[in-house]
PDB file of all heavy atoms in Angstrom:
ATOM      1  N   ASN A   1     -81.489-145.368 -83.681  1.00  0.00           N
ATOM      2  CA  ASN A   1     -80.290-146.132 -83.236  1.00  0.00           C
ATOM      3  C   ASN A   1     -79.759-145.696 -81.892  1.00  0.00           C
ATOM      4  O   ASN A   1     -78.650-145.973 -81.571  1.00  0.00           O
ATOM      5  CB  ASN A   1     -79.130-145.898 -84.280  1.00  0.00           C
ATOM      6  CG  ASN A   1     -79.535-146.332 -85.640  1.00  0.00           C
ATOM      7  OD1 ASN A   1     -79.922-147.480 -85.907  1.00  0.00           O
ATOM      8  ND2 ASN A   1     -79.437-145.362 -86.632  1.00  0.00           N
ATOM      9  N   GLN A   2     -80.755-145.177 -81.129  1.00  0.00           N
ATOM     10  CA  GLN A   2     -80.434-144.788 -79.691  1.00  0.00           C
ATOM     11  C   GLN A   2     -80.168-146.023 -78.854  1.00  0.00           C
ATOM     12  O   GLN A   2     -79.301-146.067 -78.006  1.00  0.00           O
ATOM     13  CB  GLN A   2     -81.532-143.999 -79.129  1.00  0.00           C
ATOM     14  CG  GLN A   2     -81.284-143.550 -77.695  1.00  0.00           C
ATOM     15  CD  GLN A   2     -82.478-142.660 -77.177  1.00  0.00           C
ATOM     16  OE1 GLN A   2     -83.382-142.360 -77.877  1.00  0.00           O
ATOM     17  NE2 GLN A   2     -82.378-142.279 -75.828  1.00  0.00           N
ATOM     18  N   TYR A   3     -80.915-147.133 -79.130  1.00  0.00           N
ATOM     19  CA  TYR A   3     -80.767-148.415 -78.444  1.00  0.00           C
ATOM     20  C   TYR A   3     -80.458-149.537 -79.431  1.00  0.00           C
ATOM     21  O   TYR A   3     -80.837-149.471 -80.587  1.00  0.00           O
ATOM     22  CB  TYR A   3     -82.083-148.686 -77.673  1.00  0.00           C
ATOM     23  CG  TYR A   3     -82.565-147.615 -76.764  1.00  0.00           C
ATOM     24  CD1 TYR A   3     -83.575-146.808 -77.144  1.00  0.00           C
ATOM     25  CD2 TYR A   3     -81.988-147.451 -75.531  1.00  0.00           C
ATOM     26  CE1 TYR A   3     -84.126-145.831 -76.331  1.00  0.00           C
ATOM     27  CE2 TYR A   3     -82.386-146.394 -74.704  1.00  0.00           C
ATOM     28  CZ  TYR A   3     -83.483-145.661 -75.068  1.00  0.00           C
ATOM     29  OH  TYR A   3     -83.840-144.601 -74.269  1.00  0.00           O
ATOM     30  N   GLY A   4     -79.617-150.440 -78.932  1.00  0.00           N
ATOM     31  CA  GLY A   4     -79.374-151.627 -79.787  1.00  0.00           C
ATOM     32  C   GLY A   4     -80.663-152.408 -80.125  1.00  0.00           C
ATOM     33  O   GLY A   4     -80.908-152.842 -81.141  1.00  0.00           O
ATOM     34  N   GLU A   5     -81.490-152.604 -79.041  1.00  0.00           N
ATOM     35  CA  GLU A   5     -82.675-153.381 -79.270  1.00  0.00           C
ATOM     36  C   GLU A   5     -83.751-152.854 -78.226  1.00  0.00           C
ATOM     37  O   GLU A   5     -83.433-152.540 -77.116  1.00  0.00           O
ATOM     38  CB  GLU A   5     -82.451-154.849 -78.973  1.00  0.00           C
ATOM     39  CG  GLU A   5     -83.699-155.723 -79.184  1.00  0.00           C
ATOM     40  CD  GLU A   5     -83.420-157.203 -79.565  1.00  0.00           C
ATOM     41  OE1 GLU A   5     -82.232-157.482 -79.647  1.00  0.00           O
ATOM     42  OE2 GLU A   5     -84.384-157.966 -79.656  1.00  0.00           O
ATOM     43  N   LEU A   6     -84.923-152.825 -78.613  1.00  0.00           N
ATOM     44  CA  LEU A   6     -86.090-152.502 -77.846  1.00  0.00           C
ATOM     45  C   LEU A   6     -86.899-153.760 -77.463  1.00  0.00           C
ATOM     46  O   LEU A   6     -87.354-154.445 -78.458  1.00  0.00           O
ATOM     47  CB  LEU A   6     -87.048-151.457 -78.433  1.00  0.00           C
ATOM     48  CG  LEU A   6     -86.460-150.085 -78.582  1.00  0.00           C
ATOM     49  CD1 LEU A   6     -87.511-149.163 -79.437  1.00  0.00           C
ATOM     50  CD2 LEU A   6     -86.103-149.380 -77.254  1.00  0.00           C
ATOM     51  N   LEU A   7     -87.080-154.082 -76.260  1.00  0.00           N
ATOM     52  CA  LEU A   7     -87.876-155.259 -75.841  1.00  0.00           C
ATOM     53  C   LEU A   7     -89.131-154.686 -75.321  1.00  0.00           C
ATOM     54  O   LEU A   7     -89.221-153.994 -74.273  1.00  0.00           O
ATOM     55  CB  LEU A   7     -87.138-156.083 -74.667  1.00  0.00           C
ATOM     56  CG  LEU A   7     -87.980-157.182 -74.062  1.00  0.00           C
ATOM     57  CD1 LEU A   7     -88.456-158.192 -75.125  1.00  0.00           C
ATOM     58  CD2 LEU A   7     -87.132-157.903 -72.984  1.00  0.00           C
ATOM     59  N   MET A   8     -90.326-154.887 -76.109  1.00  0.00           N
ATOM     60  CA  MET A   8     -91.536-154.317 -75.761  1.00  0.00           C
ATOM     61  C   MET A   8     -92.400-155.361 -75.080  1.00  0.00           C
ATOM     62  O   MET A   8     -92.749-156.445 -75.640  1.00  0.00           O
ATOM     63  CB  MET A   8     -92.172-153.767 -77.016  1.00  0.00           C
ATOM     64  CG  MET A   8     -91.442-152.686 -77.760  1.00  0.00           C
ATOM     65  SD  MET A   8     -92.289-152.287 -79.262  1.00  0.00           S
ATOM     66  CE  MET A   8     -91.335-150.839 -79.727  1.00  0.00           C
ATOM     67  N   LEU A   9     -92.881-155.082 -73.843  1.00  0.00           N
ATOM     68  CA  LEU A   9     -93.767-155.868 -73.103  1.00  0.00           C
ATOM     69  C   LEU A   9     -95.086-155.268 -72.994  1.00  0.00           C
ATOM     70  O   LEU A   9     -95.252-154.237 -72.307  1.00  0.00           O
ATOM     71  CB  LEU A   9     -93.215-156.172 -71.658  1.00  0.00           C
ATOM     72  CG  LEU A   9     -91.753-156.638 -71.624  1.00  0.00           C
ATOM     73  CD1 LEU A   9     -91.291-156.780 -70.139  1.00  0.00           C
ATOM     74  CD2 LEU A   9     -91.626-158.009 -72.339  1.00  0.00           C
ATOM     75  N   ALA A  10     -96.060-155.841 -73.746  1.00  0.00           N
ATOM     76  CA  ALA A  10     -97.438-155.179 -73.815  1.00  0.00           C
ATOM     77  C   ALA A  10     -98.528-156.217 -73.503  1.00  0.00           C
ATOM     78  O   ALA A  10     -98.520-157.236 -73.969  1.00  0.00           O
ATOM     79  CB  ALA A  10     -97.641-154.576 -75.281  1.00  0.00           C
ATOM     80  N   SER A  11     -99.423-155.689 -72.643  1.00  0.00           N
ATOM     81  CA  SER A  11    -100.564-156.500 -72.206  1.00  0.00           C
ATOM     82  C   SER A  11    -101.850-155.880 -72.845  1.00  0.00           C
ATOM     83  O   SER A  11    -102.117-154.730 -72.498  1.00  0.00           O
ATOM     84  CB  SER A  11    -100.699-156.605 -70.735  1.00  0.00           C
ATOM     85  OG  SER A  11    -101.827-157.286 -70.352  1.00  0.00           O
ATOM     86  N   GLY A  12    -102.631-156.555 -73.585  1.00  0.00           N
ATOM     87  CA  GLY A  12    -103.861-156.037 -74.093  1.00  0.00           C
ATOM     88  C   GLY A  12    -103.726-154.727 -74.933  1.00  0.00           C
ATOM     89  O   GLY A  12    -102.838-154.615 -75.795  1.00  0.00           O
ATOM     90  N   THR A  13    -104.464-153.760 -74.571  1.00  0.00           N
ATOM     91  CA  THR A  13    -104.407-152.401 -75.180  1.00  0.00           C
ATOM     92  C   THR A  13    -103.135-151.720 -74.914  1.00  0.00           C
ATOM     93  O   THR A  13    -102.933-150.577 -75.394  1.00  0.00           O
ATOM     94  CB  THR A  13    -105.559-151.583 -74.917  1.00  0.00           C
ATOM     95  OG1 THR A  13    -105.779-151.482 -73.428  1.00  0.00           O
ATOM     96  CG2 THR A  13    -106.914-152.111 -75.527  1.00  0.00           C
ATOM     97  N   GLY A  14    -102.241-152.273 -73.997  1.00  0.00           N
ATOM     98  CA  GLY A  14    -100.955-151.729 -73.819  1.00  0.00           C
ATOM     99  C   GLY A  14    -100.102-151.797 -75.098  1.00  0.00           C
ATOM    100  O   GLY A  14     -99.000-151.192 -75.148  1.00  0.00           O
ATOM    101  N   LEU A  15    -100.681-152.484 -76.072  1.00  0.00           N
ATOM    102  CA  LEU A  15     -99.956-152.519 -77.435  1.00  0.00           C
ATOM    103  C   LEU A  15     -99.939-151.116 -78.057  1.00  0.00           C
ATOM    104  O   LEU A  15     -99.052-150.857 -78.866  1.00  0.00           O
ATOM    105  CB  LEU A  15    -100.768-153.569 -78.309  1.00  0.00           C
ATOM    106  CG  LEU A  15    -100.289-153.729 -79.716  1.00  0.00           C
ATOM    107  CD1 LEU A  15     -98.968-154.388 -79.732  1.00  0.00           C
ATOM    108  CD2 LEU A  15    -101.317-154.510 -80.412  1.00  0.00           C
ATOM    109  N   ALA A  16    -100.932-150.342 -77.688  1.00  0.00           N
ATOM    110  CA  ALA A  16    -101.090-148.948 -78.325  1.00  0.00           C
ATOM    111  C   ALA A  16     -99.896-148.148 -78.533  1.00  0.00           C
ATOM    112  O   ALA A  16     -99.471-147.710 -79.676  1.00  0.00           O
ATOM    113  CB  ALA A  16    -102.244-148.216 -77.773  1.00  0.00           C
ATOM    114  N   PRO A  17     -98.999-147.832 -77.468  1.00  0.00           N
ATOM    115  CA  PRO A  17     -97.952-146.855 -77.669  1.00  0.00           C
ATOM    116  C   PRO A  17     -96.753-147.625 -78.409  1.00  0.00           C
ATOM    117  O   PRO A  17     -95.879-146.996 -78.912  1.00  0.00           O
ATOM    118  CB  PRO A  17     -97.531-146.576 -76.295  1.00  0.00           C
ATOM    119  CG  PRO A  17     -98.000-147.679 -75.425  1.00  0.00           C
ATOM    120  CD  PRO A  17     -99.365-148.132 -76.080  1.00  0.00           C
ATOM    121  N   MET A  18     -96.840-148.992 -78.467  1.00  0.00           N
ATOM    122  CA  MET A  18     -95.724-149.766 -79.169  1.00  0.00           C
ATOM    123  C   MET A  18     -95.825-149.584 -80.706  1.00  0.00           C
ATOM    124  O   MET A  18     -94.817-149.522 -81.361  1.00  0.00           O
ATOM    125  CB  MET A  18     -95.762-151.198 -78.731  1.00  0.00           C
ATOM    126  CG  MET A  18     -95.799-151.422 -77.232  1.00  0.00           C
ATOM    127  SD  MET A  18     -94.455-150.779 -76.267  1.00  0.00           S
ATOM    128  CE  MET A  18     -94.797-151.353 -74.667  1.00  0.00           C
ATOM    129  N   LEU A  19     -97.008-149.585 -81.189  1.00  0.00           N
ATOM    130  CA  LEU A  19     -97.263-149.623 -82.657  1.00  0.00           C
ATOM    131  C   LEU A  19     -96.620-148.420 -83.327  1.00  0.00           C
ATOM    132  O   LEU A  19     -95.864-148.579 -84.342  1.00  0.00           O
ATOM    133  CB  LEU A  19     -98.794-149.748 -82.940  1.00  0.00           C
ATOM    134  CG  LEU A  19     -99.475-151.110 -82.526  1.00  0.00           C
ATOM    135  CD1 LEU A  19    -100.843-150.907 -82.783  1.00  0.00           C
ATOM    136  CD2 LEU A  19     -98.735-152.199 -83.185  1.00  0.00           C
ATOM    137  N   PRO A  20     -96.836-147.164 -82.872  1.00  0.00           N
ATOM    138  CA  PRO A  20     -96.176-146.038 -83.609  1.00  0.00           C
ATOM    139  C   PRO A  20     -94.608-146.077 -83.554  1.00  0.00           C
ATOM    140  O   PRO A  20     -93.995-145.670 -84.477  1.00  0.00           O
ATOM    141  CB  PRO A  20     -96.773-144.833 -82.880  1.00  0.00           C
ATOM    142  CG  PRO A  20     -98.003-145.217 -82.193  1.00  0.00           C
ATOM    143  CD  PRO A  20     -97.794-146.714 -81.856  1.00  0.00           C
ATOM    144  N   ILE A  21     -94.119-146.652 -82.433  1.00  0.00           N
ATOM    145  CA  ILE A  21     -92.641-146.738 -82.316  1.00  0.00           C
ATOM    146  C   ILE A  21     -92.110-147.726 -83.292  1.00  0.00           C
ATOM    147  O   ILE A  21     -91.162-147.539 -83.992  1.00  0.00           O
ATOM    148  CB  ILE A  21     -92.207-147.128 -80.867  1.00  0.00           C
ATOM    149  CG1 ILE A  21     -92.664-146.091 -79.888  1.00  0.00           C
ATOM    150  CG2 ILE A  21     -90.784-147.477 -80.738  1.00  0.00           C
ATOM    151  CD1 ILE A  21     -92.428-146.511 -78.421  1.00  0.00           C
ATOM    152  N   ILE A  22     -92.826-148.925 -83.417  1.00  0.00           N
ATOM    153  CA  ILE A  22     -92.313-149.957 -84.428  1.00  0.00           C
ATOM    154  C   ILE A  22     -92.428-149.357 -85.836  1.00  0.00           C
ATOM    155  O   ILE A  22     -91.481-149.443 -86.652  1.00  0.00           O
ATOM    156  CB  ILE A  22     -93.248-151.137 -84.284  1.00  0.00           C
ATOM    157  CG1 ILE A  22     -93.019-151.858 -82.945  1.00  0.00           C
ATOM    158  CG2 ILE A  22     -92.922-152.145 -85.420  1.00  0.00           C
ATOM    159  CD1 ILE A  22     -93.912-153.030 -82.727  1.00  0.00           C
ATOM    160  N   GLN A  23     -93.556-148.711 -86.154  1.00  0.00           N
ATOM    161  CA  GLN A  23     -93.625-148.073 -87.508  1.00  0.00           C
ATOM    162  C   GLN A  23     -92.704-146.990 -87.726  1.00  0.00           C
ATOM    163  O   GLN A  23     -92.211-146.864 -88.905  1.00  0.00           O
ATOM    164  CB  GLN A  23     -95.144-147.631 -87.647  1.00  0.00           C
ATOM    165  CG  GLN A  23     -96.129-148.773 -87.697  1.00  0.00           C
ATOM    166  CD  GLN A  23     -97.525-148.275 -87.734  1.00  0.00           C
ATOM    167  OE1 GLN A  23     -98.137-148.117 -88.817  1.00  0.00           O
ATOM    168  NE2 GLN A  23     -98.232-148.004 -86.614  1.00  0.00           N
ATOM    169  N   HIS A  24     -92.350-146.253 -86.756  1.00  0.00           N
ATOM    170  CA  HIS A  24     -91.318-145.181 -86.848  1.00  0.00           C
ATOM    171  C   HIS A  24     -90.009-145.802 -87.197  1.00  0.00           C
ATOM    172  O   HIS A  24     -89.283-145.187 -88.008  1.00  0.00           O
ATOM    173  CB  HIS A  24     -91.370-144.390 -85.485  1.00  0.00           C
ATOM    174  CG  HIS A  24     -90.428-143.230 -85.568  1.00  0.00           C
ATOM    175  ND1 HIS A  24     -90.828-142.004 -86.211  1.00  0.00           N
ATOM    176  CD2 HIS A  24     -89.146-143.006 -85.155  1.00  0.00           C
ATOM    177  CE1 HIS A  24     -89.866-141.070 -86.047  1.00  0.00           C
ATOM    178  NE2 HIS A  24     -88.852-141.701 -85.420  1.00  0.00           N
ATOM    179  N   ILE A  25     -89.668-146.921 -86.589  1.00  0.00           N
ATOM    180  CA  ILE A  25     -88.381-147.572 -86.956  1.00  0.00           C
ATOM    181  C   ILE A  25     -88.367-148.219 -88.310  1.00  0.00           C
ATOM    182  O   ILE A  25     -87.428-148.018 -89.061  1.00  0.00           O
ATOM    183  CB  ILE A  25     -88.147-148.676 -85.847  1.00  0.00           C
ATOM    184  CG1 ILE A  25     -87.893-148.025 -84.472  1.00  0.00           C
ATOM    185  CG2 ILE A  25     -86.988-149.638 -86.269  1.00  0.00           C
ATOM    186  CD1 ILE A  25     -87.790-148.966 -83.311  1.00  0.00           C
ATOM    187  N   THR A  26     -89.439-148.873 -88.686  1.00  0.00           N
ATOM    188  CA  THR A  26     -89.458-149.485 -89.974  1.00  0.00           C
ATOM    189  C   THR A  26     -89.661-148.545 -91.138  1.00  0.00           C
ATOM    190  O   THR A  26     -89.287-148.918 -92.305  1.00  0.00           O
ATOM    191  CB  THR A  26     -90.627-150.588 -90.098  1.00  0.00           C
ATOM    192  OG1 THR A  26     -91.876-149.991 -89.725  1.00  0.00           O
ATOM    193  CG2 THR A  26     -90.430-151.753 -89.071  1.00  0.00           C
ATOM    194  N   ASP A  27     -90.158-147.365 -90.828  1.00  0.00           N
ATOM    195  CA  ASP A  27     -90.262-146.344 -91.882  1.00  0.00           C
ATOM    196  C   ASP A  27     -88.952-145.679 -92.159  1.00  0.00           C
ATOM    197  O   ASP A  27     -88.814-144.966 -93.172  1.00  0.00           O
ATOM    198  CB  ASP A  27     -91.317-145.311 -91.484  1.00  0.00           C
ATOM    199  CG  ASP A  27     -92.743-145.813 -91.657  1.00  0.00           C
ATOM    200  OD1 ASP A  27     -92.932-146.790 -92.336  1.00  0.00           O
ATOM    201  OD2 ASP A  27     -93.723-145.152 -91.153  1.00  0.00           O
ATOM    202  N   ASN A  28     -87.929-145.877 -91.330  1.00  0.00           N
ATOM    203  CA  ASN A  28     -86.683-145.115 -91.463  1.00  0.00           C
ATOM    204  C   ASN A  28     -85.622-146.190 -91.793  1.00  0.00           C
ATOM    205  O   ASN A  28     -85.157-146.943 -90.913  1.00  0.00           O
ATOM    206  CB  ASN A  28     -86.395-144.455 -90.172  1.00  0.00           C
ATOM    207  CG  ASN A  28     -85.020-143.727 -90.254  1.00  0.00           C
ATOM    208  OD1 ASN A  28     -84.280-143.672 -91.274  1.00  0.00           O
ATOM    209  ND2 ASN A  28     -84.691-142.979 -89.172  1.00  0.00           N
ATOM    210  N   GLU A  29     -85.224-146.277 -93.091  1.00  0.00           N
ATOM    211  CA  GLU A  29     -84.258-147.296 -93.415  1.00  0.00           C
ATOM    212  C   GLU A  29     -82.875-147.131 -92.865  1.00  0.00           C
ATOM    213  O   GLU A  29     -82.095-148.019 -92.855  1.00  0.00           O
ATOM    214  CB  GLU A  29     -84.130-147.216 -94.988  1.00  0.00           C
ATOM    215  CG  GLU A  29     -83.590-145.940 -95.583  1.00  0.00           C
ATOM    216  CD  GLU A  29     -83.464-145.971 -97.119  1.00  0.00           C
ATOM    217  OE1 GLU A  29     -84.107-146.807 -97.687  1.00  0.00           O
ATOM    218  OE2 GLU A  29     -82.826-145.014 -97.609  1.00  0.00           O
ATOM    219  N   ASN A  30     -82.613-145.974 -92.228  1.00  0.00           N
ATOM    220  CA  ASN A  30     -81.415-145.744 -91.549  1.00  0.00           C
ATOM    221  C   ASN A  30     -81.359-146.147 -90.055  1.00  0.00           C
ATOM    222  O   ASN A  30     -80.396-146.169 -89.374  1.00  0.00           O
ATOM    223  CB  ASN A  30     -81.010-144.294 -91.642  1.00  0.00           C
ATOM    224  CG  ASN A  30     -80.690-143.864 -93.102  1.00  0.00           C
ATOM    225  OD1 ASN A  30     -80.033-144.562 -93.796  1.00  0.00           O
ATOM    226  ND2 ASN A  30     -81.174-142.744 -93.485  1.00  0.00           N
ATOM    227  N   ASP A  31     -82.604-146.517 -89.561  1.00  0.00           N
ATOM    228  CA  ASP A  31     -82.753-146.947 -88.196  1.00  0.00           C
ATOM    229  C   ASP A  31     -82.619-148.434 -88.130  1.00  0.00           C
ATOM    230  O   ASP A  31     -83.442-149.190 -88.620  1.00  0.00           O
ATOM    231  CB  ASP A  31     -84.154-146.432 -87.603  1.00  0.00           C
ATOM    232  CG  ASP A  31     -84.116-146.628 -86.039  1.00  0.00           C
ATOM    233  OD1 ASP A  31     -83.294-147.385 -85.526  1.00  0.00           O
ATOM    234  OD2 ASP A  31     -85.048-145.978 -85.494  1.00  0.00           O
ATOM    235  N   GLU A  32     -81.552-148.851 -87.541  1.00  0.00           N
ATOM    236  CA  GLU A  32     -81.269-150.314 -87.488  1.00  0.00           C
ATOM    237  C   GLU A  32     -81.472-150.944 -86.021  1.00  0.00           C
ATOM    238  O   GLU A  32     -80.922-151.968 -85.759  1.00  0.00           O
ATOM    239  CB  GLU A  32     -79.728-150.565 -87.908  1.00  0.00           C
ATOM    240  CG  GLU A  32     -79.484-150.160 -89.325  1.00  0.00           C
ATOM    241  CD  GLU A  32     -78.047-150.446 -89.825  1.00  0.00           C
ATOM    242  OE1 GLU A  32     -77.243-150.826 -88.917  1.00  0.00           O
ATOM    243  OE2 GLU A  32     -77.811-150.320 -90.989  1.00  0.00           O
ATOM    244  N   THR A  33     -82.395-150.321 -85.405  1.00  0.00           N
ATOM    245  CA  THR A  33     -82.741-150.766 -84.008  1.00  0.00           C
ATOM    246  C   THR A  33     -83.497-152.112 -84.136  1.00  0.00           C
ATOM    247  O   THR A  33     -84.447-152.244 -84.946  1.00  0.00           O
ATOM    248  CB  THR A  33     -83.683-149.790 -83.325  1.00  0.00           C
ATOM    249  OG1 THR A  33     -82.886-148.530 -83.212  1.00  0.00           O
ATOM    250  CG2 THR A  33     -83.925-150.250 -81.877  1.00  0.00           C
ATOM    251  N   PHE A  34     -83.094-153.179 -83.358  1.00  0.00           N
ATOM    252  CA  PHE A  34     -83.832-154.383 -83.340  1.00  0.00           C
ATOM    253  C   PHE A  34     -85.044-154.186 -82.400  1.00  0.00           C
ATOM    254  O   PHE A  34     -84.953-153.412 -81.407  1.00  0.00           O
ATOM    255  CB  PHE A  34     -83.016-155.547 -82.764  1.00  0.00           C
ATOM    256  CG  PHE A  34     -82.104-156.044 -83.700  1.00  0.00           C
ATOM    257  CD1 PHE A  34     -80.697-155.736 -83.642  1.00  0.00           C
ATOM    258  CD2 PHE A  34     -82.396-156.934 -84.793  1.00  0.00           C
ATOM    259  CE1 PHE A  34     -79.725-156.259 -84.609  1.00  0.00           C
ATOM    260  CE2 PHE A  34     -81.593-157.477 -85.669  1.00  0.00           C
ATOM    261  CZ  PHE A  34     -80.154-157.072 -85.590  1.00  0.00           C
ATOM    262  N   VAL A  35     -86.217-154.900 -82.701  1.00  0.00           N
ATOM    263  CA  VAL A  35     -87.338-154.791 -81.861  1.00  0.00           C
ATOM    264  C   VAL A  35     -87.842-156.265 -81.684  1.00  0.00           C
ATOM    265  O   VAL A  35     -88.053-156.970 -82.477  1.00  0.00           O
ATOM    266  CB  VAL A  35     -88.492-153.969 -82.469  1.00  0.00           C
ATOM    267  CG1 VAL A  35     -89.695-154.067 -81.598  1.00  0.00           C
ATOM    268  CG2 VAL A  35     -88.061-152.543 -82.642  1.00  0.00           C
ATOM    269  N   THR A  36     -88.054-156.409 -80.346  1.00  0.00           N
ATOM    270  CA  THR A  36     -88.723-157.737 -79.863  1.00  0.00           C
ATOM    271  C   THR A  36     -89.983-157.386 -79.163  1.00  0.00           C
ATOM    272  O   THR A  36     -89.896-156.771 -78.068  1.00  0.00           O
ATOM    273  CB  THR A  36     -87.918-158.644 -79.028  1.00  0.00           C
ATOM    274  OG1 THR A  36     -86.663-159.066 -79.723  1.00  0.00           O
ATOM    275  CG2 THR A  36     -88.651-159.804 -78.522  1.00  0.00           C
TER     276      THR A  36
END
């Protein structure tokens, strides 16, 4: 909940660091951060 929303811009394998962040958010039911 540090940010209201994370806007992730990823090109190709630039997807790599985004995936653990998304999973970290969805694994925590108390984290209500929006992700685009």
